Amino acid sequence: MHVYRFRLLHEDQEDFLRDFEILSSQTFTDFHNLIKQSVELPGNELASFFVCDRNWRKKREITLLNMQNEIVEEEEDYDERRGPKPFKMPVSEMHKVRIKDIIDDPHQRLLYEYDFLNPKVFFIELTRILEAGNKEQYPYCVKSEGKLTLITPPLPVVDLLDNEENEVDEIALIAEFDDIMNNEDEEDIPIDPSLEQSSEW
């Protein structure tokens, strides 16, 4: 039986990497649990693997929990003049997909996205294919460098002073507009001579 060695990197942290070995017959649920444990990801958030091409373009999603009941089929009366059909990414669940099911490249690339509300994105690439040793040890982390630094984006600071100044400016503009509309000099308004009343009775 074969073992796949994958290298995992984080998009924003150059000093971080993990090398994993996993049996070809094990599932993406096994891979997901291994990554969570090794990287020390918090909580039990949703996650997905994306099978990618050489340019990291997503071709297939392998998700922890499939939120789609089914893939919507294309309309049968498709008009060729409208152009190519939109690509609908196939979606599978992790526990149903074995690692060997997606390997079609000796340097197979994957993306792993964890926590969709505050996403953490990891790049994964197949680096070696080996013969399995003691099958009871798989999957496991064979190399670990750096600790993942989770940076929570700061909440925007509301400057109350700026808000008050903006409100004052807005009120002043509205008042000025009202003054212009209500205090026009009647002498500046042209009068139709035919509407003037004669002073003679």
N, C-alpha and C. Protein backbone atom coordinates (compact mmCIF):
# COMPACT_ATOMS: atom_id res chain seq x y z
N MET A 1 0.84 -1.19 0.00
CA MET A 1 0.00 0.00 0.00
C MET A 1 0.88 1.25 0.00
N HIS A 2 0.39 2.30 -0.67
CA HIS A 2 1.17 3.52 -0.78
C HIS A 2 0.84 4.51 0.34
N VAL A 3 1.84 5.34 0.61
CA VAL A 3 1.69 6.46 1.55
C VAL A 3 1.99 7.73 0.78
N TYR A 4 1.15 8.72 1.00
CA TYR A 4 1.37 10.02 0.37
C TYR A 4 1.93 10.99 1.40
N ARG A 5 3.00 11.69 1.01
CA ARG A 5 3.54 12.74 1.88
C ARG A 5 3.15 14.10 1.31
N PHE A 6 2.47 14.87 2.13
CA PHE A 6 2.02 16.20 1.73
C PHE A 6 2.72 17.25 2.58
N ARG A 7 3.00 18.39 1.95
CA ARG A 7 3.52 19.54 2.69
C ARG A 7 2.43 20.61 2.77
N LEU A 8 2.24 21.13 3.98
CA LEU A 8 1.22 22.15 4.23
C LEU A 8 1.90 23.45 4.62
N LEU A 9 1.52 24.54 3.95
CA LEU A 9 2.04 25.88 4.24
C LEU A 9 0.87 26.82 4.47
N HIS A 10 1.13 27.90 5.22
CA HIS A 10 0.09 28.90 5.45
C HIS A 10 0.34 30.10 4.55
N GLU A 11 -0.73 30.72 4.07
CA GLU A 11 -0.60 31.79 3.08
C GLU A 11 0.13 33.02 3.60
N ASP A 12 0.07 33.28 4.92
CA ASP A 12 0.63 34.52 5.46
C ASP A 12 1.80 34.33 6.41
N GLN A 13 2.31 33.11 6.53
CA GLN A 13 3.36 32.85 7.52
C GLN A 13 4.46 31.99 6.91
N GLU A 14 5.57 32.60 6.55
CA GLU A 14 6.63 31.90 5.83
C GLU A 14 7.38 30.90 6.69
N ASP A 15 7.42 31.11 8.01
CA ASP A 15 8.21 30.23 8.87
C ASP A 15 7.40 29.03 9.38
N PHE A 16 6.25 28.81 8.78
CA PHE A 16 5.37 27.73 9.23
C PHE A 16 5.27 26.65 8.15
N LEU A 17 5.44 25.38 8.55
CA LEU A 17 5.18 24.27 7.62
C LEU A 17 4.91 23.00 8.40
N ARG A 18 4.19 22.09 7.77
CA ARG A 18 3.94 20.76 8.31
C ARG A 18 4.07 19.77 7.16
N ASP A 19 4.74 18.64 7.43
CA ASP A 19 4.77 17.53 6.49
C ASP A 19 3.98 16.37 7.09
N PHE A 20 3.06 15.84 6.31
CA PHE A 20 2.20 14.76 6.78
C PHE A 20 2.37 13.53 5.89
N GLU A 21 2.23 12.36 6.50
CA GLU A 21 2.14 11.12 5.72
C GLU A 21 0.81 10.46 6.04
N ILE A 22 0.13 10.04 4.98
CA ILE A 22 -1.21 9.47 5.13
C ILE A 22 -1.37 8.34 4.12
N LEU A 23 -2.03 7.27 4.53
CA LEU A 23 -2.25 6.13 3.64
C LEU A 23 -3.17 6.52 2.50
N SER A 24 -2.92 5.92 1.34
CA SER A 24 -3.76 6.21 0.17
C SER A 24 -5.21 5.81 0.40
N SER A 25 -5.45 4.84 1.31
CA SER A 25 -6.81 4.36 1.56
C SER A 25 -7.54 5.16 2.64
N GLN A 26 -6.83 6.06 3.32
CA GLN A 26 -7.49 6.84 4.36
C GLN A 26 -8.27 7.98 3.73
N THR A 27 -9.19 8.54 4.52
CA THR A 27 -10.12 9.53 3.98
C THR A 27 -9.67 10.95 4.30
N PHE A 28 -10.38 11.88 3.68
CA PHE A 28 -10.10 13.29 3.96
C PHE A 28 -10.55 13.70 5.36
N THR A 29 -11.41 12.93 5.97
CA THR A 29 -11.74 13.18 7.38
C THR A 29 -10.51 12.92 8.24
N ASP A 30 -9.78 11.84 7.93
CA ASP A 30 -8.53 11.55 8.65
C ASP A 30 -7.52 12.69 8.45
N PHE A 31 -7.44 13.18 7.23
CA PHE A 31 -6.51 14.26 6.92
C PHE A 31 -6.90 15.54 7.66
N HIS A 32 -8.18 15.84 7.65
CA HIS A 32 -8.70 17.03 8.35
C HIS A 32 -8.39 16.97 9.84
N ASN A 33 -8.64 15.83 10.47
CA ASN A 33 -8.39 15.69 11.91
C ASN A 33 -6.89 15.81 12.22
N LEU A 34 -6.05 15.28 11.34
CA LEU A 34 -4.61 15.37 11.53
C LEU A 34 -4.14 16.83 11.45
N ILE A 35 -4.64 17.56 10.47
CA ILE A 35 -4.27 18.98 10.34
C ILE A 35 -4.72 19.77 11.57
N LYS A 36 -5.97 19.56 11.98
CA LYS A 36 -6.48 20.28 13.15
C LYS A 36 -5.62 20.03 14.38
N GLN A 37 -5.24 18.78 14.59
CA GLN A 37 -4.45 18.42 15.77
C GLN A 37 -3.04 18.99 15.68
N SER A 38 -2.40 18.86 14.52
CA SER A 38 -1.02 19.29 14.36
C SER A 38 -0.87 20.81 14.38
N VAL A 39 -1.81 21.49 13.74
CA VAL A 39 -1.73 22.95 13.64
C VAL A 39 -2.34 23.62 14.87
N GLU A 40 -3.09 22.84 15.66
CA GLU A 40 -3.78 23.35 16.85
C GLU A 40 -4.82 24.41 16.48
N LEU A 41 -5.67 24.04 15.53
CA LEU A 41 -6.74 24.94 15.13
C LEU A 41 -7.85 24.90 16.19
N PRO A 42 -8.36 26.07 16.55
CA PRO A 42 -9.35 26.12 17.63
C PRO A 42 -10.74 25.72 17.16
N GLY A 43 -11.54 25.21 18.11
CA GLY A 43 -12.96 24.97 17.85
C GLY A 43 -13.22 23.81 16.90
N ASN A 44 -14.47 23.73 16.50
CA ASN A 44 -14.92 22.70 15.56
C ASN A 44 -15.62 23.37 14.39
N GLU A 45 -14.88 24.21 13.70
CA GLU A 45 -15.46 24.98 12.61
C GLU A 45 -15.56 24.13 11.34
N LEU A 46 -16.38 24.60 10.41
CA LEU A 46 -16.49 23.94 9.12
C LEU A 46 -15.18 24.10 8.34
N ALA A 47 -14.93 23.14 7.47
CA ALA A 47 -13.70 23.19 6.69
C ALA A 47 -13.92 22.46 5.37
N SER A 48 -13.06 22.79 4.40
CA SER A 48 -13.12 22.13 3.10
C SER A 48 -11.72 22.01 2.52
N PHE A 49 -11.51 20.91 1.79
CA PHE A 49 -10.36 20.78 0.90
C PHE A 49 -10.84 21.13 -0.50
N PHE A 50 -9.96 21.74 -1.28
CA PHE A 50 -10.25 22.01 -2.68
C PHE A 50 -9.15 21.37 -3.52
N VAL A 51 -9.54 20.50 -4.43
CA VAL A 51 -8.58 19.90 -5.36
C VAL A 51 -8.28 20.95 -6.43
N CYS A 52 -6.99 21.23 -6.63
CA CYS A 52 -6.60 22.32 -7.53
C CYS A 52 -5.74 21.82 -8.69
N ASP A 53 -5.65 22.64 -9.70
CA ASP A 53 -4.72 22.35 -10.79
C ASP A 53 -3.36 22.97 -10.46
N ARG A 54 -2.45 22.97 -11.41
CA ARG A 54 -1.09 23.48 -11.17
C ARG A 54 -1.08 24.96 -10.81
N ASN A 55 -2.11 25.69 -11.21
CA ASN A 55 -2.19 27.14 -10.95
C ASN A 55 -3.08 27.47 -9.76
N TRP A 56 -3.35 26.47 -8.92
CA TRP A 56 -4.17 26.64 -7.71
C TRP A 56 -5.61 27.03 -8.01
N ARG A 57 -6.08 26.71 -9.21
CA ARG A 57 -7.50 26.93 -9.52
C ARG A 57 -8.31 25.76 -8.98
N LYS A 58 -9.38 26.07 -8.28
CA LYS A 58 -10.20 25.05 -7.64
C LYS A 58 -11.00 24.27 -8.68
N LYS A 59 -10.96 22.92 -8.56
CA LYS A 59 -11.70 22.07 -9.50
C LYS A 59 -12.78 21.24 -8.79
N ARG A 60 -12.57 20.97 -7.51
CA ARG A 60 -13.49 20.10 -6.78
C ARG A 60 -13.41 20.43 -5.29
N GLU A 61 -14.55 20.42 -4.62
CA GLU A 61 -14.58 20.68 -3.18
C GLU A 61 -14.87 19.38 -2.43
N ILE A 62 -14.10 19.16 -1.36
CA ILE A 62 -14.32 18.02 -0.47
C ILE A 62 -14.55 18.62 0.92
N THR A 63 -15.77 18.62 1.35
CA THR A 63 -16.16 19.40 2.53
C THR A 63 -16.50 18.53 3.73
N LEU A 64 -16.38 19.11 4.90
CA LEU A 64 -16.71 18.39 6.12
C LEU A 64 -18.20 18.13 6.20
N LEU A 65 -18.97 19.13 5.82
CA LEU A 65 -20.43 19.02 5.85
C LEU A 65 -20.98 19.64 4.59
N ASN A 66 -21.62 18.83 3.77
CA ASN A 66 -22.15 19.32 2.50
C ASN A 66 -23.45 20.08 2.73
N MET A 67 -23.41 21.39 2.50
CA MET A 67 -24.59 22.23 2.70
C MET A 67 -25.51 22.23 1.48
N GLN A 68 -25.05 21.63 0.38
CA GLN A 68 -25.86 21.55 -0.83
C GLN A 68 -26.51 20.18 -0.91
N ASN A 69 -27.80 20.16 -1.13
CA ASN A 69 -28.51 18.89 -1.24
C ASN A 69 -28.15 18.16 -2.53
N GLU A 70 -27.96 18.94 -3.58
CA GLU A 70 -27.60 18.34 -4.85
C GLU A 70 -27.00 19.40 -5.74
N ILE A 71 -26.33 18.95 -6.75
CA ILE A 71 -25.78 19.89 -7.73
C ILE A 71 -26.87 20.18 -8.76
N VAL A 72 -27.15 21.44 -8.98
CA VAL A 72 -28.20 21.83 -9.91
C VAL A 72 -27.78 21.51 -11.33
N GLU A 73 -28.65 20.83 -12.05
CA GLU A 73 -28.33 20.47 -13.43
C GLU A 73 -28.56 21.66 -14.35
N GLU A 74 -27.85 21.65 -15.47
CA GLU A 74 -28.04 22.69 -16.46
C GLU A 74 -29.38 22.51 -17.18
N GLU A 75 -29.90 23.62 -17.70
CA GLU A 75 -31.14 23.54 -18.46
C GLU A 75 -30.90 22.77 -19.75
N GLU A 76 -31.90 21.97 -20.15
CA GLU A 76 -31.75 21.16 -21.35
C GLU A 76 -31.77 22.01 -22.61
N ASP A 77 -32.54 23.11 -22.59
CA ASP A 77 -32.65 23.95 -23.78
C ASP A 77 -31.56 25.02 -23.78
N TYR A 78 -30.37 24.62 -23.49
CA TYR A 78 -29.25 25.56 -23.45
C TYR A 78 -29.01 26.11 -24.86
N ASP A 79 -28.87 27.43 -24.93
CA ASP A 79 -28.64 28.10 -26.20
C ASP A 79 -27.14 28.32 -26.36
N GLU A 80 -26.56 27.76 -27.42
CA GLU A 80 -25.12 27.86 -27.62
C GLU A 80 -24.67 29.31 -27.80
N ARG A 81 -25.58 30.19 -28.23
CA ARG A 81 -25.20 31.58 -28.44
C ARG A 81 -24.92 32.30 -27.13
N ARG A 82 -25.33 31.73 -26.01
CA ARG A 82 -25.08 32.38 -24.71
C ARG A 82 -23.67 32.15 -24.21
N GLY A 83 -22.91 31.31 -24.88
CA GLY A 83 -21.55 31.07 -24.45
C GLY A 83 -21.43 29.78 -23.67
N PRO A 84 -20.25 29.54 -23.07
CA PRO A 84 -20.02 28.27 -22.36
C PRO A 84 -20.87 28.17 -21.11
N LYS A 85 -21.21 26.94 -20.76
CA LYS A 85 -21.99 26.71 -19.55
C LYS A 85 -21.17 27.10 -18.32
N PRO A 86 -21.82 27.69 -17.32
CA PRO A 86 -21.09 28.02 -16.10
C PRO A 86 -20.60 26.76 -15.41
N PHE A 87 -19.37 26.84 -14.87
CA PHE A 87 -18.77 25.69 -14.21
C PHE A 87 -19.41 25.47 -12.84
N LYS A 88 -19.89 24.25 -12.60
CA LYS A 88 -20.47 23.91 -11.31
C LYS A 88 -19.52 22.94 -10.62
N MET A 89 -18.89 23.41 -9.56
CA MET A 89 -17.87 22.61 -8.89
C MET A 89 -18.50 21.40 -8.20
N PRO A 90 -18.02 20.20 -8.48
CA PRO A 90 -18.54 19.03 -7.77
C PRO A 90 -18.16 19.08 -6.30
N VAL A 91 -19.09 18.66 -5.44
CA VAL A 91 -18.89 18.71 -4.00
C VAL A 91 -19.08 17.31 -3.42
N SER A 92 -18.12 16.89 -2.59
CA SER A 92 -18.19 15.59 -1.91
C SER A 92 -17.95 15.81 -0.43
N GLU A 93 -18.30 14.80 0.36
CA GLU A 93 -18.05 14.87 1.80
C GLU A 93 -16.77 14.12 2.14
N MET A 94 -16.04 14.65 3.12
CA MET A 94 -14.71 14.13 3.45
C MET A 94 -14.71 12.64 3.76
N HIS A 95 -15.69 12.18 4.51
CA HIS A 95 -15.66 10.79 4.95
C HIS A 95 -15.93 9.80 3.81
N LYS A 96 -16.37 10.32 2.65
CA LYS A 96 -16.67 9.47 1.51
C LYS A 96 -15.54 9.42 0.48
N VAL A 97 -14.52 10.24 0.66
CA VAL A 97 -13.47 10.35 -0.36
C VAL A 97 -12.13 9.90 0.23
N ARG A 98 -11.52 8.89 -0.41
CA ARG A 98 -10.20 8.44 0.00
C ARG A 98 -9.14 9.32 -0.67
N ILE A 99 -7.98 9.39 -0.05
CA ILE A 99 -6.91 10.25 -0.57
C ILE A 99 -6.56 9.88 -2.01
N LYS A 100 -6.46 8.57 -2.29
CA LYS A 100 -6.04 8.14 -3.63
C LYS A 100 -7.07 8.49 -4.71
N ASP A 101 -8.30 8.80 -4.30
CA ASP A 101 -9.35 9.10 -5.28
C ASP A 101 -9.12 10.41 -6.02
N ILE A 102 -8.29 11.28 -5.46
CA ILE A 102 -8.13 12.61 -6.08
C ILE A 102 -6.74 12.81 -6.67
N ILE A 103 -5.84 11.84 -6.51
CA ILE A 103 -4.47 12.02 -6.99
C ILE A 103 -4.40 11.74 -8.49
N ASP A 104 -4.21 12.81 -9.27
CA ASP A 104 -4.03 12.63 -10.71
C ASP A 104 -2.79 13.37 -11.20
N ASP A 105 -1.95 13.80 -10.24
CA ASP A 105 -0.76 14.56 -10.57
C ASP A 105 0.31 14.19 -9.54
N PRO A 106 1.57 13.96 -9.96
CA PRO A 106 2.62 13.62 -8.99
C PRO A 106 2.93 14.74 -8.01
N HIS A 107 2.47 15.94 -8.33
CA HIS A 107 2.60 17.08 -7.41
C HIS A 107 1.21 17.67 -7.14
N GLN A 108 0.28 16.80 -6.86
CA GLN A 108 -1.10 17.21 -6.66
C GLN A 108 -1.20 18.37 -5.67
N ARG A 109 -1.99 19.37 -6.01
CA ARG A 109 -2.15 20.55 -5.15
C ARG A 109 -3.56 20.61 -4.58
N LEU A 110 -3.62 21.05 -3.33
CA LEU A 110 -4.89 21.20 -2.61
C LEU A 110 -4.88 22.51 -1.84
N LEU A 111 -6.05 23.04 -1.62
CA LEU A 111 -6.23 24.12 -0.66
C LEU A 111 -7.06 23.58 0.50
N TYR A 112 -6.71 23.99 1.70
CA TYR A 112 -7.49 23.61 2.88
C TYR A 112 -7.95 24.90 3.54
N GLU A 113 -9.27 25.08 3.61
CA GLU A 113 -9.85 26.28 4.21
C GLU A 113 -10.60 25.88 5.48
N TYR A 114 -10.24 26.56 6.56
CA TYR A 114 -10.82 26.26 7.87
C TYR A 114 -11.50 27.51 8.41
N ASP A 115 -12.72 27.34 8.92
CA ASP A 115 -13.51 28.42 9.53
C ASP A 115 -13.87 29.48 8.48
N PHE A 116 -15.01 29.28 7.85
CA PHE A 116 -15.41 30.14 6.74
C PHE A 116 -15.75 31.57 7.17
N LEU A 117 -16.10 31.78 8.46
CA LEU A 117 -16.40 33.13 8.94
C LEU A 117 -15.12 33.93 9.18
N ASN A 118 -14.07 33.25 9.59
CA ASN A 118 -12.76 33.88 9.79
C ASN A 118 -11.73 32.97 9.14
N PRO A 119 -11.72 32.94 7.82
CA PRO A 119 -11.01 31.87 7.09
C PRO A 119 -9.51 31.86 7.30
N LYS A 120 -9.00 30.63 7.43
CA LYS A 120 -7.57 30.36 7.46
C LYS A 120 -7.29 29.44 6.28
N VAL A 121 -6.43 29.87 5.38
CA VAL A 121 -6.20 29.15 4.12
C VAL A 121 -4.80 28.56 4.13
N PHE A 122 -4.72 27.26 3.82
CA PHE A 122 -3.45 26.55 3.77
C PHE A 122 -3.25 25.96 2.37
N PHE A 123 -1.99 25.98 1.92
CA PHE A 123 -1.62 25.39 0.64
C PHE A 123 -1.00 24.02 0.90
N ILE A 124 -1.45 23.02 0.17
CA ILE A 124 -0.97 21.65 0.36
C ILE A 124 -0.48 21.12 -0.99
N GLU A 125 0.68 20.46 -0.97
CA GLU A 125 1.20 19.87 -2.20
C GLU A 125 1.76 18.49 -1.90
N LEU A 126 1.46 17.55 -2.78
CA LEU A 126 2.03 16.21 -2.68
C LEU A 126 3.51 16.28 -3.03
N THR A 127 4.37 15.75 -2.13
CA THR A 127 5.81 15.83 -2.36
C THR A 127 6.45 14.48 -2.63
N ARG A 128 5.88 13.41 -2.05
CA ARG A 128 6.46 12.07 -2.26
C ARG A 128 5.39 11.00 -2.17
N ILE A 129 5.65 9.88 -2.85
CA ILE A 129 4.82 8.68 -2.72
C ILE A 129 5.73 7.56 -2.25
N LEU A 130 5.38 6.96 -1.11
CA LEU A 130 6.24 5.98 -0.46
C LEU A 130 5.51 4.66 -0.26
N GLU A 131 6.27 3.64 0.08
CA GLU A 131 5.67 2.38 0.49
C GLU A 131 5.32 2.46 1.98
N ALA A 132 4.16 1.93 2.35
CA ALA A 132 3.70 2.02 3.74
C ALA A 132 4.56 1.15 4.64
N GLY A 133 4.85 1.68 5.84
CA GLY A 133 5.54 0.92 6.85
C GLY A 133 4.52 0.32 7.82
N ASN A 134 4.67 0.62 9.09
CA ASN A 134 3.71 0.19 10.10
C ASN A 134 2.40 0.94 9.90
N LYS A 135 1.39 0.24 9.43
CA LYS A 135 0.14 0.90 9.04
C LYS A 135 -0.59 1.53 10.23
N GLU A 136 -0.26 1.11 11.44
CA GLU A 136 -0.96 1.63 12.60
C GLU A 136 -0.55 3.06 12.93
N GLN A 137 0.57 3.52 12.40
CA GLN A 137 1.04 4.86 12.76
C GLN A 137 0.42 5.96 11.90
N TYR A 138 -0.21 5.60 10.81
CA TYR A 138 -0.74 6.60 9.88
C TYR A 138 -2.16 7.01 10.26
N PRO A 139 -2.51 8.27 9.96
CA PRO A 139 -1.68 9.36 9.45
C PRO A 139 -0.91 10.03 10.59
N TYR A 140 0.18 10.67 10.25
CA TYR A 140 0.92 11.38 11.30
C TYR A 140 1.76 12.50 10.68
N CYS A 141 2.20 13.40 11.56
CA CYS A 141 3.01 14.55 11.14
C CYS A 141 4.48 14.15 11.25
N VAL A 142 5.22 14.23 10.13
CA VAL A 142 6.62 13.81 10.13
C VAL A 142 7.57 14.99 10.29
N LYS A 143 7.08 16.19 10.07
CA LYS A 143 7.92 17.38 10.23
C LYS A 143 7.05 18.55 10.62
N SER A 144 7.52 19.32 11.60
CA SER A 144 6.75 20.45 12.09
C SER A 144 7.69 21.62 12.35
N GLU A 145 7.44 22.74 11.70
CA GLU A 145 8.23 23.95 11.91
C GLU A 145 7.30 25.13 12.12
N GLY A 146 7.57 25.90 13.17
CA GLY A 146 6.81 27.11 13.44
C GLY A 146 5.45 26.82 14.04
N LYS A 147 4.93 27.81 14.74
CA LYS A 147 3.61 27.73 15.33
C LYS A 147 2.71 28.71 14.60
N LEU A 148 1.54 28.27 14.24
CA LEU A 148 0.63 29.14 13.52
C LEU A 148 0.21 30.31 14.40
N THR A 149 0.40 31.50 13.90
CA THR A 149 0.00 32.71 14.61
C THR A 149 -1.33 33.17 14.04
N LEU A 150 -2.35 33.05 14.86
CA LEU A 150 -3.68 33.45 14.43
C LEU A 150 -3.87 34.92 14.74
N ILE A 151 -4.05 35.70 13.70
CA ILE A 151 -4.23 37.15 13.87
C ILE A 151 -5.70 37.47 13.66
N THR A 152 -6.33 37.96 14.72
CA THR A 152 -7.73 38.36 14.63
C THR A 152 -7.78 39.80 14.18
N PRO A 153 -8.48 40.08 13.09
CA PRO A 153 -8.54 41.47 12.62
C PRO A 153 -9.18 42.36 13.66
N PRO A 154 -8.58 43.53 13.96
CA PRO A 154 -9.13 44.41 14.98
C PRO A 154 -10.47 45.00 14.55
N LEU A 155 -11.31 45.24 15.55
CA LEU A 155 -12.59 45.88 15.26
C LEU A 155 -12.34 47.33 14.88
N PRO A 156 -13.11 47.88 13.94
CA PRO A 156 -12.91 49.28 13.57
C PRO A 156 -13.21 50.20 14.75
N VAL A 157 -12.32 51.17 14.97
CA VAL A 157 -12.50 52.13 16.06
C VAL A 157 -13.35 53.28 15.56
N VAL A 158 -14.43 53.54 16.26
CA VAL A 158 -15.33 54.62 15.88
C VAL A 158 -14.88 55.89 16.57
N ASP A 159 -14.54 56.89 15.80
CA ASP A 159 -14.12 58.17 16.37
C ASP A 159 -15.36 59.03 16.57
N LEU A 160 -15.79 59.12 17.83
CA LEU A 160 -17.01 59.86 18.13
C LEU A 160 -16.88 61.33 17.77
N LEU A 161 -15.68 61.90 17.96
CA LEU A 161 -15.47 63.31 17.66
C LEU A 161 -15.70 63.58 16.18
N ASP A 162 -15.11 62.68 15.33
CA ASP A 162 -15.30 62.85 13.89
C ASP A 162 -16.77 62.73 13.53
N ASN A 163 -17.48 61.78 14.15
CA ASN A 163 -18.90 61.62 13.87
C ASN A 163 -19.69 62.87 14.24
N GLU A 164 -19.36 63.45 15.41
CA GLU A 164 -20.07 64.66 15.85
C GLU A 164 -19.80 65.80 14.89
N GLU A 165 -18.54 65.94 14.45
CA GLU A 165 -18.22 67.01 13.51
C GLU A 165 -18.95 66.83 12.19
N ASN A 166 -19.03 65.57 11.73
CA ASN A 166 -19.74 65.29 10.48
C ASN A 166 -21.22 65.62 10.61
N GLU A 167 -21.81 65.27 11.78
CA GLU A 167 -23.22 65.57 11.99
C GLU A 167 -23.45 67.08 12.01
N VAL A 168 -22.53 67.82 12.68
CA VAL A 168 -22.67 69.29 12.73
C VAL A 168 -22.59 69.87 11.33
N ASP A 169 -21.62 69.38 10.52
CA ASP A 169 -21.48 69.87 9.14
C ASP A 169 -22.74 69.57 8.34
N GLU A 170 -23.29 68.38 8.52
CA GLU A 170 -24.49 68.01 7.78
C GLU A 170 -25.67 68.89 8.18
N ILE A 171 -25.84 69.14 9.48
CA ILE A 171 -26.93 69.99 9.95
C ILE A 171 -26.77 71.41 9.42
N ALA A 172 -25.53 71.92 9.41
CA ALA A 172 -25.27 73.27 8.91
C ALA A 172 -25.63 73.37 7.43
N LEU A 173 -25.28 72.34 6.65
CA LEU A 173 -25.62 72.35 5.23
C LEU A 173 -27.13 72.35 5.00
N ILE A 174 -27.84 71.54 5.79
CA ILE A 174 -29.30 71.48 5.65
C ILE A 174 -29.93 72.82 6.01
N ALA A 175 -29.42 73.45 7.11
CA ALA A 175 -29.96 74.75 7.52
C ALA A 175 -29.70 75.81 6.46
N GLU A 176 -28.52 75.78 5.87
CA GLU A 176 -28.20 76.75 4.83
C GLU A 176 -29.09 76.56 3.62
N PHE A 177 -29.34 75.32 3.27
CA PHE A 177 -30.23 75.04 2.14
C PHE A 177 -31.65 75.55 2.43
N ASP A 178 -32.13 75.30 3.65
CA ASP A 178 -33.46 75.78 4.04
C ASP A 178 -33.53 77.30 3.96
N ASP A 179 -32.46 77.98 4.43
CA ASP A 179 -32.45 79.45 4.37
C ASP A 179 -32.54 79.93 2.94
N ILE A 180 -31.82 79.28 2.06
CA ILE A 180 -31.85 79.69 0.66
C ILE A 180 -33.25 79.53 0.08
N MET A 181 -33.90 78.41 0.40
CA MET A 181 -35.22 78.14 -0.15
C MET A 181 -36.30 79.05 0.43
N ASN A 182 -36.19 79.40 1.70
CA ASN A 182 -37.25 80.15 2.37
C ASN A 182 -37.05 81.65 2.36
N ASN A 183 -35.86 82.13 2.09
CA ASN A 183 -35.58 83.55 2.20
C ASN A 183 -35.14 84.17 0.88
N GLU A 184 -35.69 83.67 -0.20
CA GLU A 184 -35.34 84.26 -1.49
C GLU A 184 -35.91 85.67 -1.56
N ASP A 185 -35.16 86.58 -2.10
CA ASP A 185 -35.61 87.97 -2.26
C ASP A 185 -36.63 88.03 -3.37
N GLU A 186 -37.84 88.45 -2.99
CA GLU A 186 -38.91 88.47 -3.99
C GLU A 186 -38.62 89.41 -5.13
N GLU A 187 -37.78 90.42 -4.89
CA GLU A 187 -37.49 91.38 -5.96
C GLU A 187 -36.67 90.72 -7.06
N ASP A 188 -35.98 89.64 -6.72
CA ASP A 188 -35.17 88.96 -7.73
C ASP A 188 -35.98 88.04 -8.61
N ILE A 189 -37.28 87.83 -8.25
CA ILE A 189 -38.11 86.91 -9.02
C ILE A 189 -38.80 87.70 -10.11
N PRO A 190 -38.63 87.35 -11.36
CA PRO A 190 -39.29 88.10 -12.45
C PRO A 190 -40.80 87.95 -12.37
N ILE A 191 -41.51 89.07 -12.62
CA ILE A 191 -42.97 89.08 -12.54
C ILE A 191 -43.54 89.25 -13.93
N ASP A 192 -44.52 88.43 -14.22
CA ASP A 192 -45.20 88.53 -15.51
C ASP A 192 -46.05 89.79 -15.49
N PRO A 193 -45.78 90.76 -16.42
CA PRO A 193 -46.54 92.03 -16.43
C PRO A 193 -48.05 91.82 -16.55
N SER A 194 -48.47 90.75 -17.19
CA SER A 194 -49.91 90.53 -17.37
C SER A 194 -50.61 90.20 -16.07
N LEU A 195 -49.80 89.81 -15.07
CA LEU A 195 -50.39 89.46 -13.79
C LEU A 195 -50.48 90.64 -12.83
N GLU A 196 -49.85 91.77 -13.20
CA GLU A 196 -49.88 92.92 -12.32
C GLU A 196 -51.29 93.53 -12.32
N GLN A 197 -51.75 93.93 -11.15
CA GLN A 197 -53.06 94.56 -11.04
C GLN A 197 -52.94 96.04 -11.36
N SER A 198 -53.92 96.54 -12.07
CA SER A 198 -53.92 97.96 -12.42
C SER A 198 -54.28 98.78 -11.18
N SER A 199 -53.59 99.90 -11.02
CA SER A 199 -53.87 100.77 -9.87
C SER A 199 -55.12 101.61 -10.08
N GLU A 200 -55.63 101.59 -11.32
CA GLU A 200 -56.83 102.36 -11.60
C GLU A 200 -58.05 101.49 -11.41
N TRP A 201 -59.09 102.04 -10.77
CA TRP A 201 -60.34 101.31 -10.52
C TRP A 201 -61.37 101.63 -11.56
